[in-house]
Amino acid sequence: MANASRPERLADAEIERALEGVPGWAIQDGKLRREFRFRNFNQAFGFMTRAALCAETMNHHPEWSNVYATVIVDLVTHSADGITKLDFDLATKMNAIAEEFSGRKGA
């Protein structure tokens, strides 16, 4: 029996279905990836700060980079050696945070 507290890797078909619920995200190199673009560095950094606090409460941390107004995010659950529901949960929250900062759906 699997440990209930440890997320399980999703099958490819499950990932494809879940992608429909997270606009802007795609699979790249075995990870869930999205590029967020903001008006300026201040907005990008604000997004990262809010997303970091959210990620910390979930105990699930993104791989990401920032150059001026662009933030590139990769999500994968290392303990499951793949993409899990936890990655999609964080992607959903990041989309909502980005929408608040950009003022438009889909950032």
PDB file of N, CA and C in Angstrom:
ATOM      1  N   MET A   1       0.847  -1.188   0.000  1.00  0.00           N
ATOM      2  CA  MET A   1       0.000   0.000   0.000  1.00  0.00           C
ATOM      3  C   MET A   1       0.886   1.243   0.000  1.00  0.00           C
ATOM      4  N   ALA A   2       0.546   2.222  -0.820  1.00  0.00           N
ATOM      5  CA  ALA A   2       1.326   3.452  -0.949  1.00  0.00           C
ATOM      6  C   ALA A   2       1.130   4.326   0.286  1.00  0.00           C
ATOM      7  N   ASN A   3       2.157   5.100   0.586  1.00  0.00           N
ATOM      8  CA  ASN A   3       2.107   6.048   1.681  1.00  0.00           C
ATOM      9  C   ASN A   3       1.192   7.205   1.284  1.00  0.00           C
ATOM     10  N   ALA A   4       0.152   7.457   2.065  1.00  0.00           N
ATOM     11  CA  ALA A   4      -0.846   8.475   1.729  1.00  0.00           C
ATOM     12  C   ALA A   4      -0.253   9.882   1.697  1.00  0.00           C
ATOM     13  N   SER A   5       0.828  10.142   2.452  1.00  0.00           N
ATOM     14  CA  SER A   5       1.389  11.481   2.502  1.00  0.00           C
ATOM     15  C   SER A   5       2.358  11.740   1.350  1.00  0.00           C
ATOM     16  N   ARG A   6       2.759  10.707   0.660  1.00  0.00           N
ATOM     17  CA  ARG A   6       3.694  10.874  -0.446  1.00  0.00           C
ATOM     18  C   ARG A   6       2.936  10.866  -1.777  1.00  0.00           C
ATOM     19  N   PRO A   7       3.075  11.946  -2.557  1.00  0.00           N
ATOM     20  CA  PRO A   7       2.342  11.990  -3.826  1.00  0.00           C
ATOM     21  C   PRO A   7       2.861  10.935  -4.799  1.00  0.00           C
ATOM     22  N   GLU A   8       1.958  10.410  -5.623  1.00  0.00           N
ATOM     23  CA  GLU A   8       2.327   9.394  -6.598  1.00  0.00           C
ATOM     24  C   GLU A   8       2.420  10.007  -7.987  1.00  0.00           C
ATOM     25  N   ARG A   9       3.358   9.527  -8.741  1.00  0.00           N
ATOM     26  CA  ARG A   9       3.572   9.974 -10.110  1.00  0.00           C
ATOM     27  C   ARG A   9       2.314   9.693 -10.939  1.00  0.00           C
ATOM     28  N   LEU A  10       1.930  10.670 -11.757  1.00  0.00           N
ATOM     29  CA  LEU A  10       0.758  10.513 -12.610  1.00  0.00           C
ATOM     30  C   LEU A  10       1.137   9.807 -13.909  1.00  0.00           C
ATOM     31  N   ALA A  11       0.197   9.039 -14.437  1.00  0.00           N
ATOM     32  CA  ALA A  11       0.375   8.403 -15.740  1.00  0.00           C
ATOM     33  C   ALA A  11       0.255   9.473 -16.824  1.00  0.00           C
ATOM     34  N   ASP A  12       0.811   9.198 -17.990  1.00  0.00           N
ATOM     35  CA  ASP A  12       0.783  10.164 -19.092  1.00  0.00           C
ATOM     36  C   ASP A  12      -0.638  10.628 -19.421  1.00  0.00           C
ATOM     37  N   ALA A  13      -1.589   9.714 -19.439  1.00  0.00           N
ATOM     38  CA  ALA A  13      -2.981  10.080 -19.743  1.00  0.00           C
ATOM     39  C   ALA A  13      -3.549  11.011 -18.672  1.00  0.00           C
ATOM     40  N   GLU A  14      -3.195  10.781 -17.408  1.00  0.00           N
ATOM     41  CA  GLU A  14      -3.658  11.648 -16.322  1.00  0.00           C
ATOM     42  C   GLU A  14      -3.055  13.043 -16.460  1.00  0.00           C
ATOM     43  N   ILE A  15      -1.805  13.108 -16.863  1.00  0.00           N
ATOM     44  CA  ILE A  15      -1.131  14.391 -17.061  1.00  0.00           C
ATOM     45  C   ILE A  15      -1.803  15.157 -18.191  1.00  0.00           C
ATOM     46  N   GLU A  16      -2.084  14.495 -19.290  1.00  0.00           N
ATOM     47  CA  GLU A  16      -2.733  15.152 -20.425  1.00  0.00           C
ATOM     48  C   GLU A  16      -4.087  15.727 -20.029  1.00  0.00           C
ATOM     49  N   ARG A  17      -4.859  14.982 -19.242  1.00  0.00           N
ATOM     50  CA  ARG A  17      -6.165  15.479 -18.777  1.00  0.00           C
ATOM     51  C   ARG A  17      -5.982  16.666 -17.836  1.00  0.00           C
ATOM     52  N   ALA A  18      -5.030  16.560 -16.924  1.00  0.00           N
ATOM     53  CA  ALA A  18      -4.814  17.629 -15.945  1.00  0.00           C
ATOM     54  C   ALA A  18      -4.306  18.909 -16.603  1.00  0.00           C
ATOM     55  N   LEU A  19      -3.579  18.801 -17.699  1.00  0.00           N
ATOM     56  CA  LEU A  19      -3.076  19.989 -18.414  1.00  0.00           C
ATOM     57  C   LEU A  19      -4.209  20.898 -18.872  1.00  0.00           C
ATOM     58  N   GLU A  20      -5.369  20.313 -19.145  1.00  0.00           N
ATOM     59  CA  GLU A  20      -6.516  21.107 -19.584  1.00  0.00           C
ATOM     60  C   GLU A  20      -6.959  22.107 -18.520  1.00  0.00           C
ATOM     61  N   GLY A  21      -6.658  21.816 -17.257  1.00  0.00           N
ATOM     62  CA  GLY A  21      -7.073  22.674 -16.159  1.00  0.00           C
ATOM     63  C   GLY A  21      -6.064  23.736 -15.759  1.00  0.00           C
ATOM     64  N   VAL A  22      -4.904  23.767 -16.430  1.00  0.00           N
ATOM     65  CA  VAL A  22      -3.878  24.760 -16.082  1.00  0.00           C
ATOM     66  C   VAL A  22      -3.396  25.479 -17.352  1.00  0.00           C
ATOM     67  N   PRO A  23      -4.153  26.494 -17.774  1.00  0.00           N
ATOM     68  CA  PRO A  23      -3.790  27.219 -18.997  1.00  0.00           C
ATOM     69  C   PRO A  23      -2.362  27.751 -18.947  1.00  0.00           C
ATOM     70  N   GLY A  24      -1.685  27.626 -20.088  1.00  0.00           N
ATOM     71  CA  GLY A  24      -0.329  28.160 -20.210  1.00  0.00           C
ATOM     72  C   GLY A  24       0.773  27.174 -19.877  1.00  0.00           C
ATOM     73  N   TRP A  25       0.427  26.076 -19.238  1.00  0.00           N
ATOM     74  CA  TRP A  25       1.422  25.086 -18.829  1.00  0.00           C
ATOM     75  C   TRP A  25       1.546  23.996 -19.894  1.00  0.00           C
ATOM     76  N   ALA A  26       2.748  23.433 -19.999  1.00  0.00           N
ATOM     77  CA  ALA A  26       3.023  22.348 -20.946  1.00  0.00           C
ATOM     78  C   ALA A  26       4.060  21.422 -20.321  1.00  0.00           C
ATOM     79  N   ILE A  27       4.240  20.281 -20.923  1.00  0.00           N
ATOM     80  CA  ILE A  27       5.270  19.352 -20.471  1.00  0.00           C
ATOM     81  C   ILE A  27       6.528  19.603 -21.299  1.00  0.00           C
ATOM     82  N   GLN A  28       7.633  19.795 -20.608  1.00  0.00           N
ATOM     83  CA  GLN A  28       8.923  19.968 -21.277  1.00  0.00           C
ATOM     84  C   GLN A  28       9.994  19.280 -20.435  1.00  0.00           C
ATOM     85  N   ASP A  29      10.728  18.387 -21.063  1.00  0.00           N
ATOM     86  CA  ASP A  29      11.800  17.650 -20.383  1.00  0.00           C
ATOM     87  C   ASP A  29      11.308  16.943 -19.123  1.00  0.00           C
ATOM     88  N   GLY A  30      10.091  16.384 -19.191  1.00  0.00           N
ATOM     89  CA  GLY A  30       9.548  15.627 -18.071  1.00  0.00           C
ATOM     90  C   GLY A  30       9.064  16.464 -16.909  1.00  0.00           C
ATOM     91  N   LYS A  31       8.921  17.769 -17.141  1.00  0.00           N
ATOM     92  CA  LYS A  31       8.464  18.669 -16.084  1.00  0.00           C
ATOM     93  C   LYS A  31       7.300  19.502 -16.593  1.00  0.00           C
ATOM     94  N   LEU A  32       6.513  19.989 -15.656  1.00  0.00           N
ATOM     95  CA  LEU A  32       5.435  20.915 -15.954  1.00  0.00           C
ATOM     96  C   LEU A  32       6.070  22.295 -16.039  1.00  0.00           C
ATOM     97  N   ARG A  33       5.915  22.993 -17.183  1.00  0.00           N
ATOM     98  CA  ARG A  33       6.623  24.263 -17.399  1.00  0.00           C
ATOM     99  C   ARG A  33       5.680  25.359 -17.872  1.00  0.00           C
ATOM    100  N   ARG A  34       5.967  26.563 -17.374  1.00  0.00           N
ATOM    101  CA  ARG A  34       5.253  27.752 -17.845  1.00  0.00           C
ATOM    102  C   ARG A  34       6.180  28.948 -17.781  1.00  0.00           C
ATOM    103  N   GLU A  35       6.031  29.813 -18.747  1.00  0.00           N
ATOM    104  CA  GLU A  35       6.725  31.100 -18.747  1.00  0.00           C
ATOM    105  C   GLU A  35       5.696  32.180 -18.461  1.00  0.00           C
ATOM    106  N   PHE A  36       5.928  32.923 -17.392  1.00  0.00           N
ATOM    107  CA  PHE A  36       5.056  34.043 -17.022  1.00  0.00           C
ATOM    108  C   PHE A  36       5.755  35.339 -17.437  1.00  0.00           C
ATOM    109  N   ARG A  37       4.988  36.250 -18.031  1.00  0.00           N
ATOM    110  CA  ARG A  37       5.533  37.550 -18.404  1.00  0.00           C
ATOM    111  C   ARG A  37       4.712  38.643 -17.737  1.00  0.00           C
ATOM    112  N   PHE A  38       5.439  39.571 -17.143  1.00  0.00           N
ATOM    113  CA  PHE A  38       4.811  40.671 -16.420  1.00  0.00           C
ATOM    114  C   PHE A  38       5.224  41.994 -17.052  1.00  0.00           C
ATOM    115  N   ARG A  39       4.664  43.087 -16.564  1.00  0.00           N
ATOM    116  CA  ARG A  39       4.983  44.405 -17.123  1.00  0.00           C
ATOM    117  C   ARG A  39       6.393  44.858 -16.775  1.00  0.00           C
ATOM    118  N   ASN A  40       6.890  44.430 -15.619  1.00  0.00           N
ATOM    119  CA  ASN A  40       8.199  44.899 -15.182  1.00  0.00           C
ATOM    120  C   ASN A  40       8.782  43.952 -14.132  1.00  0.00           C
ATOM    121  N   PHE A  41       9.982  44.239 -13.697  1.00  0.00           N
ATOM    122  CA  PHE A  41      10.661  43.402 -12.714  1.00  0.00           C
ATOM    123  C   PHE A  41       9.924  43.393 -11.383  1.00  0.00           C
ATOM    124  N   ASN A  42       9.389  44.522 -10.979  1.00  0.00           N
ATOM    125  CA  ASN A  42       8.681  44.612  -9.703  1.00  0.00           C
ATOM    126  C   ASN A  42       7.505  43.631  -9.661  1.00  0.00           C
ATOM    127  N   GLN A  43       6.736  43.577 -10.740  1.00  0.00           N
ATOM    128  CA  GLN A  43       5.609  42.628 -10.801  1.00  0.00           C
ATOM    129  C   GLN A  43       6.113  41.189 -10.785  1.00  0.00           C
ATOM    130  N   ALA A  44       7.150  40.910 -11.542  1.00  0.00           N
ATOM    131  CA  ALA A  44       7.697  39.548 -11.589  1.00  0.00           C
ATOM    132  C   ALA A  44       8.190  39.123 -10.208  1.00  0.00           C
ATOM    133  N   PHE A  45       8.889  40.023  -9.540  1.00  0.00           N
ATOM    134  CA  PHE A  45       9.412  39.698  -8.221  1.00  0.00           C
ATOM    135  C   PHE A  45       8.288  39.554  -7.200  1.00  0.00           C
ATOM    136  N   GLY A  46       7.267  40.388  -7.316  1.00  0.00           N
ATOM    137  CA  GLY A  46       6.106  40.257  -6.434  1.00  0.00           C
ATOM    138  C   GLY A  46       5.425  38.915  -6.617  1.00  0.00           C
ATOM    139  N   PHE A  47       5.259  38.507  -7.878  1.00  0.00           N
ATOM    140  CA  PHE A  47       4.693  37.191  -8.171  1.00  0.00           C
ATOM    141  C   PHE A  47       5.532  36.090  -7.519  1.00  0.00           C
ATOM    142  N   MET A  48       6.844  36.167  -7.686  1.00  0.00           N
ATOM    143  CA  MET A  48       7.722  35.140  -7.121  1.00  0.00           C
ATOM    144  C   MET A  48       7.625  35.090  -5.596  1.00  0.00           C
ATOM    145  N   THR A  49       7.525  36.260  -4.994  1.00  0.00           N
ATOM    146  CA  THR A  49       7.414  36.307  -3.532  1.00  0.00           C
ATOM    147  C   THR A  49       6.130  35.627  -3.059  1.00  0.00           C
ATOM    148  N   ARG A  50       5.002  35.982  -3.674  1.00  0.00           N
ATOM    149  CA  ARG A  50       3.727  35.359  -3.304  1.00  0.00           C
ATOM    150  C   ARG A  50       3.740  33.865  -3.585  1.00  0.00           C
ATOM    151  N   ALA A  51       4.273  33.478  -4.757  1.00  0.00           N
ATOM    152  CA  ALA A  51       4.332  32.062  -5.118  1.00  0.00           C
ATOM    153  C   ALA A  51       5.240  31.292  -4.163  1.00  0.00           C
ATOM    154  N   ALA A  52       6.332  31.920  -3.731  1.00  0.00           N
ATOM    155  CA  ALA A  52       7.250  31.258  -2.796  1.00  0.00           C
ATOM    156  C   ALA A  52       6.562  30.986  -1.460  1.00  0.00           C
ATOM    157  N   LEU A  53       5.784  31.934  -0.988  1.00  0.00           N
ATOM    158  CA  LEU A  53       5.067  31.735   0.279  1.00  0.00           C
ATOM    159  C   LEU A  53       4.050  30.607   0.147  1.00  0.00           C
ATOM    160  N   CYS A  54       3.373  30.558  -0.971  1.00  0.00           N
ATOM    161  CA  CYS A  54       2.405  29.495  -1.241  1.00  0.00           C
ATOM    162  C   CYS A  54       3.118  28.144  -1.312  1.00  0.00           C
ATOM    163  N   ALA A  55       4.216  28.090  -2.051  1.00  0.00           N
ATOM    164  CA  ALA A  55       4.978  26.851  -2.190  1.00  0.00           C
ATOM    165  C   ALA A  55       5.476  26.352  -0.844  1.00  0.00           C
ATOM    166  N   GLU A  56       5.897  27.267  -0.001  1.00  0.00           N
ATOM    167  CA  GLU A  56       6.399  26.888   1.325  1.00  0.00           C
ATOM    168  C   GLU A  56       5.299  26.267   2.169  1.00  0.00           C
ATOM    169  N   THR A  57       4.083  26.829   2.110  1.00  0.00           N
ATOM    170  CA  THR A  57       2.985  26.245   2.887  1.00  0.00           C
ATOM    171  C   THR A  57       2.623  24.856   2.372  1.00  0.00           C
ATOM    172  N   MET A  58       2.853  24.615   1.071  1.00  0.00           N
ATOM    173  CA  MET A  58       2.579  23.304   0.482  1.00  0.00           C
ATOM    174  C   MET A  58       3.758  22.340   0.660  1.00  0.00           C
ATOM    175  N   ASN A  59       4.893  22.875   1.107  1.00  0.00           N
ATOM    176  CA  ASN A  59       6.140  22.107   1.186  1.00  0.00           C
ATOM    177  C   ASN A  59       6.471  21.480  -0.180  1.00  0.00           C
ATOM    178  N   HIS A  60       6.300  22.302  -1.206  1.00  0.00           N
ATOM    179  CA  HIS A  60       6.566  21.871  -2.584  1.00  0.00           C
ATOM    180  C   HIS A  60       7.167  23.059  -3.316  1.00  0.00           C
ATOM    181  N   HIS A  61       8.409  22.940  -3.724  1.00  0.00           N
ATOM    182  CA  HIS A  61       9.151  24.104  -4.182  1.00  0.00           C
ATOM    183  C   HIS A  61       9.487  24.021  -5.663  1.00  0.00           C
ATOM    184  N   PRO A  62       9.257  25.116  -6.387  1.00  0.00           N
ATOM    185  CA  PRO A  62       9.485  25.125  -7.831  1.00  0.00           C
ATOM    186  C   PRO A  62      10.968  25.246  -8.180  1.00  0.00           C
ATOM    187  N   GLU A  63      11.282  24.839  -9.401  1.00  0.00           N
ATOM    188  CA  GLU A  63      12.546  25.189 -10.026  1.00  0.00           C
ATOM    189  C   GLU A  63      12.175  26.381 -10.898  1.00  0.00           C
ATOM    190  N   TRP A  64      12.846  27.507 -10.719  1.00  0.00           N
ATOM    191  CA  TRP A  64      12.457  28.670 -11.499  1.00  0.00           C
ATOM    192  C   TRP A  64      13.612  29.612 -11.727  1.00  0.00           C
ATOM    193  N   SER A  65      13.409  30.497 -12.697  1.00  0.00           N
ATOM    194  CA  SER A  65      14.404  31.527 -12.983  1.00  0.00           C
ATOM    195  C   SER A  65      13.659  32.805 -13.334  1.00  0.00           C
ATOM    196  N   ASN A  66      14.352  33.918 -13.165  1.00  0.00           N
ATOM    197  CA  ASN A  66      13.764  35.225 -13.422  1.00  0.00           C
ATOM    198  C   ASN A  66      14.777  36.087 -14.165  1.00  0.00           C
ATOM    199  N   VAL A  67      14.334  36.656 -15.276  1.00  0.00           N
ATOM    200  CA  VAL A  67      15.102  37.676 -15.978  1.00  0.00           C
ATOM    201  C   VAL A  67      14.148  38.826 -16.251  1.00  0.00           C
ATOM    202  N   TYR A  68      14.428  39.939 -15.622  1.00  0.00           N
ATOM    203  CA  TYR A  68      13.614  41.148 -15.676  1.00  0.00           C
ATOM    204  C   TYR A  68      12.136  40.836 -15.443  1.00  0.00           C
ATOM    205  N   ALA A  69      11.298  40.869 -16.456  1.00  0.00           N
ATOM    206  CA  ALA A  69       9.850  40.711 -16.267  1.00  0.00           C
ATOM    207  C   ALA A  69       9.363  39.305 -16.605  1.00  0.00           C
ATOM    208  N   THR A  70      10.276  38.369 -16.802  1.00  0.00           N
ATOM    209  CA  THR A  70       9.908  36.998 -17.168  1.00  0.00           C
ATOM    210  C   THR A  70      10.313  36.033 -16.059  1.00  0.00           C
ATOM    211  N   VAL A  71       9.382  35.157 -15.713  1.00  0.00           N
ATOM    212  CA  VAL A  71       9.643  34.099 -14.731  1.00  0.00           C
ATOM    213  C   VAL A  71       9.329  32.772 -15.420  1.00  0.00           C
ATOM    214  N   ILE A  72      10.310  31.887 -15.452  1.00  0.00           N
ATOM    215  CA  ILE A  72      10.118  30.554 -16.013  1.00  0.00           C
ATOM    216  C   ILE A  72      10.062  29.567 -14.856  1.00  0.00           C
ATOM    217  N   VAL A  73       9.007  28.758 -14.834  1.00  0.00           N
ATOM    218  CA  VAL A  73       8.769  27.828 -13.730  1.00  0.00           C
ATOM    219  C   VAL A  73       8.731  26.398 -14.259  1.00  0.00           C
ATOM    220  N   ASP A  74       9.449  25.513 -13.587  1.00  0.00           N
ATOM    221  CA  ASP A  74       9.374  24.070 -13.826  1.00  0.00           C
ATOM    222  C   ASP A  74       8.899  23.416 -12.538  1.00  0.00           C
ATOM    223  N   LEU A  75       7.920  22.533 -12.668  1.00  0.00           N
ATOM    224  CA  LEU A  75       7.399  21.800 -11.513  1.00  0.00           C
ATOM    225  C   LEU A  75       7.545  20.305 -11.758  1.00  0.00           C
ATOM    226  N   VAL A  76       8.074  19.631 -10.769  1.00  0.00           N
ATOM    227  CA  VAL A  76       8.204  18.177 -10.781  1.00  0.00           C
ATOM    228  C   VAL A  76       8.338  17.737  -9.329  1.00  0.00           C
ATOM    229  N   THR A  77       7.849  16.554  -9.026  1.00  0.00           N
ATOM    230  CA  THR A  77       7.962  16.032  -7.663  1.00  0.00           C
ATOM    231  C   THR A  77       9.127  15.054  -7.646  1.00  0.00           C
ATOM    232  N   HIS A  78      10.245  15.497  -7.107  1.00  0.00           N
ATOM    233  CA  HIS A  78      11.462  14.685  -7.144  1.00  0.00           C
ATOM    234  C   HIS A  78      11.295  13.362  -6.405  1.00  0.00           C
ATOM    235  N   SER A  79      10.572  13.378  -5.290  1.00  0.00           N
ATOM    236  CA  SER A  79      10.401  12.145  -4.518  1.00  0.00           C
ATOM    237  C   SER A  79       9.587  11.095  -5.271  1.00  0.00           C
ATOM    238  N   ALA A  80       8.786  11.532  -6.246  1.00  0.00           N
ATOM    239  CA  ALA A  80       7.985  10.603  -7.058  1.00  0.00           C
ATOM    240  C   ALA A  80       8.633  10.364  -8.422  1.00  0.00           C
ATOM    241  N   ASP A  81       9.743  11.051  -8.665  1.00  0.00           N
ATOM    242  CA  ASP A  81      10.459  10.940  -9.936  1.00  0.00           C
ATOM    243  C   ASP A  81       9.550  11.244 -11.122  1.00  0.00           C
ATOM    244  N   GLY A  82       8.726  12.295 -10.968  1.00  0.00           N
ATOM    245  CA  GLY A  82       7.835  12.675 -12.051  1.00  0.00           C
ATOM    246  C   GLY A  82       6.818  13.709 -11.616  1.00  0.00           C
ATOM    247  N   ILE A  83       5.841  13.916 -12.445  1.00  0.00           N
ATOM    248  CA  ILE A  83       4.792  14.906 -12.202  1.00  0.00           C
ATOM    249  C   ILE A  83       3.665  14.266 -11.397  1.00  0.00           C
ATOM    250  N   THR A  84       3.213  14.990 -10.370  1.00  0.00           N
ATOM    251  CA  THR A  84       2.155  14.509  -9.489  1.00  0.00           C
ATOM    252  C   THR A  84       1.035  15.550  -9.398  1.00  0.00           C
ATOM    253  N   LYS A  85      -0.027  15.183  -8.711  1.00  0.00           N
ATOM    254  CA  LYS A  85      -1.129  16.109  -8.463  1.00  0.00           C
ATOM    255  C   LYS A  85      -0.625  17.357  -7.745  1.00  0.00           C
ATOM    256  N   LEU A  86       0.366  17.215  -6.890  1.00  0.00           N
ATOM    257  CA  LEU A  86       0.938  18.352  -6.164  1.00  0.00           C
ATOM    258  C   LEU A  86       1.475  19.405  -7.130  1.00  0.00           C
ATOM    259  N   ASP A  87       2.088  18.971  -8.223  1.00  0.00           N
ATOM    260  CA  ASP A  87       2.592  19.915  -9.216  1.00  0.00           C
ATOM    261  C   ASP A  87       1.448  20.688  -9.856  1.00  0.00           C
ATOM    262  N   PHE A  88       0.373  19.993 -10.176  1.00  0.00           N
ATOM    263  CA  PHE A  88      -0.793  20.662 -10.767  1.00  0.00           C
ATOM    264  C   PHE A  88      -1.470  21.578  -9.770  1.00  0.00           C
ATOM    265  N   ASP A  89      -1.492  21.216  -8.497  1.00  0.00           N
ATOM    266  CA  ASP A  89      -2.068  22.087  -7.464  1.00  0.00           C
ATOM    267  C   ASP A  89      -1.281  23.392  -7.374  1.00  0.00           C
ATOM    268  N   LEU A  90       0.053  23.288  -7.387  1.00  0.00           N
ATOM    269  CA  LEU A  90       0.879  24.498  -7.317  1.00  0.00           C
ATOM    270  C   LEU A  90       0.753  25.310  -8.604  1.00  0.00           C
ATOM    271  N   ALA A  91       0.679  24.661  -9.746  1.00  0.00           N
ATOM    272  CA  ALA A  91       0.499  25.371 -11.017  1.00  0.00           C
ATOM    273  C   ALA A  91      -0.802  26.178 -11.000  1.00  0.00           C
ATOM    274  N   THR A  92      -1.861  25.590 -10.489  1.00  0.00           N
ATOM    275  CA  THR A  92      -3.151  26.279 -10.395  1.00  0.00           C
ATOM    276  C   THR A  92      -3.036  27.517  -9.516  1.00  0.00           C
ATOM    277  N   LYS A  93      -2.368  27.366  -8.383  1.00  0.00           N
ATOM    278  CA  LYS A  93      -2.193  28.502  -7.474  1.00  0.00           C
ATOM    279  C   LYS A  93      -1.320  29.582  -8.101  1.00  0.00           C
ATOM    280  N   MET A  94      -0.282  29.175  -8.825  1.00  0.00           N
ATOM    281  CA  MET A  94       0.588  30.155  -9.482  1.00  0.00           C
ATOM    282  C   MET A  94      -0.173  30.906 -10.573  1.00  0.00           C
ATOM    283  N   ASN A  95      -1.029  30.231 -11.301  1.00  0.00           N
ATOM    284  CA  ASN A  95      -1.848  30.912 -12.311  1.00  0.00           C
ATOM    285  C   ASN A  95      -2.726  31.978 -11.660  1.00  0.00           C
ATOM    286  N   ALA A  96      -3.325  31.646 -10.536  1.00  0.00           N
ATOM    287  CA  ALA A  96      -4.188  32.607  -9.838  1.00  0.00           C
ATOM    288  C   ALA A  96      -3.382  33.801  -9.333  1.00  0.00           C
ATOM    289  N   ILE A  97      -2.200  33.556  -8.797  1.00  0.00           N
ATOM    290  CA  ILE A  97      -1.343  34.644  -8.315  1.00  0.00           C
ATOM    291  C   ILE A  97      -0.935  35.536  -9.488  1.00  0.00           C
ATOM    292  N   ALA A  98      -0.536  34.938 -10.602  1.00  0.00           N
ATOM    293  CA  ALA A  98      -0.134  35.696 -11.786  1.00  0.00           C
ATOM    294  C   ALA A  98      -1.283  36.563 -12.286  1.00  0.00           C
ATOM    295  N   GLU A  99      -2.484  36.018 -12.249  1.00  0.00           N
ATOM    296  CA  GLU A  99      -3.658  36.767 -12.692  1.00  0.00           C
ATOM    297  C   GLU A  99      -3.874  37.993 -11.825  1.00  0.00           C
ATOM    298  N   GLU A 100      -3.652  37.859 -10.520  1.00  0.00           N
ATOM    299  CA  GLU A 100      -3.793  39.014  -9.610  1.00  0.00           C
ATOM    300  C   GLU A 100      -2.769  40.088  -9.961  1.00  0.00           C
ATOM    301  N   PHE A 101      -1.550  39.682 -10.287  1.00  0.00           N
ATOM    302  CA  PHE A 101      -0.501  40.663 -10.590  1.00  0.00           C
ATOM    303  C   PHE A 101      -0.672  41.294 -11.961  1.00  0.00           C
ATOM    304  N   SER A 102      -1.146  40.540 -12.916  1.00  0.00           N
ATOM    305  CA  SER A 102      -1.248  41.069 -14.268  1.00  0.00           C
ATOM    306  C   SER A 102      -2.588  41.731 -14.530  1.00  0.00           C
ATOM    307  N   GLY A 103      -3.594  41.357 -13.747  1.00  0.00           N
ATOM    308  CA  GLY A 103      -4.920  41.914 -13.948  1.00  0.00           C
ATOM    309  C   GLY A 103      -5.654  41.309 -15.132  1.00  0.00           C
ATOM    310  N   ARG A 104      -5.103  40.249 -15.696  1.00  0.00           N
ATOM    311  CA  ARG A 104      -5.793  39.576 -16.800  1.00  0.00           C
ATOM    312  C   ARG A 104      -5.620  38.073 -16.671  1.00  0.00           C
ATOM    313  N   LYS A 105      -6.606  37.355 -17.124  1.00  0.00           N
ATOM    314  CA  LYS A 105      -6.595  35.891 -17.029  1.00  0.00           C
ATOM    315  C   LYS A 105      -5.478  35.320 -17.903  1.00  0.00           C
ATOM    316  N   GLY A 106      -4.763  34.312 -17.334  1.00  0.00           N
ATOM    317  CA  GLY A 106      -3.716  33.654 -18.089  1.00  0.00           C
ATOM    318  C   GLY A 106      -2.379  34.368 -18.051  1.00  0.00           C
ATOM    319  N   ALA A 107      -2.298  35.489 -17.342  1.00  0.00           N
ATOM    320  CA  ALA A 107      -1.082  36.313 -17.240  1.00  0.00           C
ATOM    321  C   ALA A 107      -0.486  36.448 -18.591  1.00  0.00           C
TER     322      ALA A 107
END
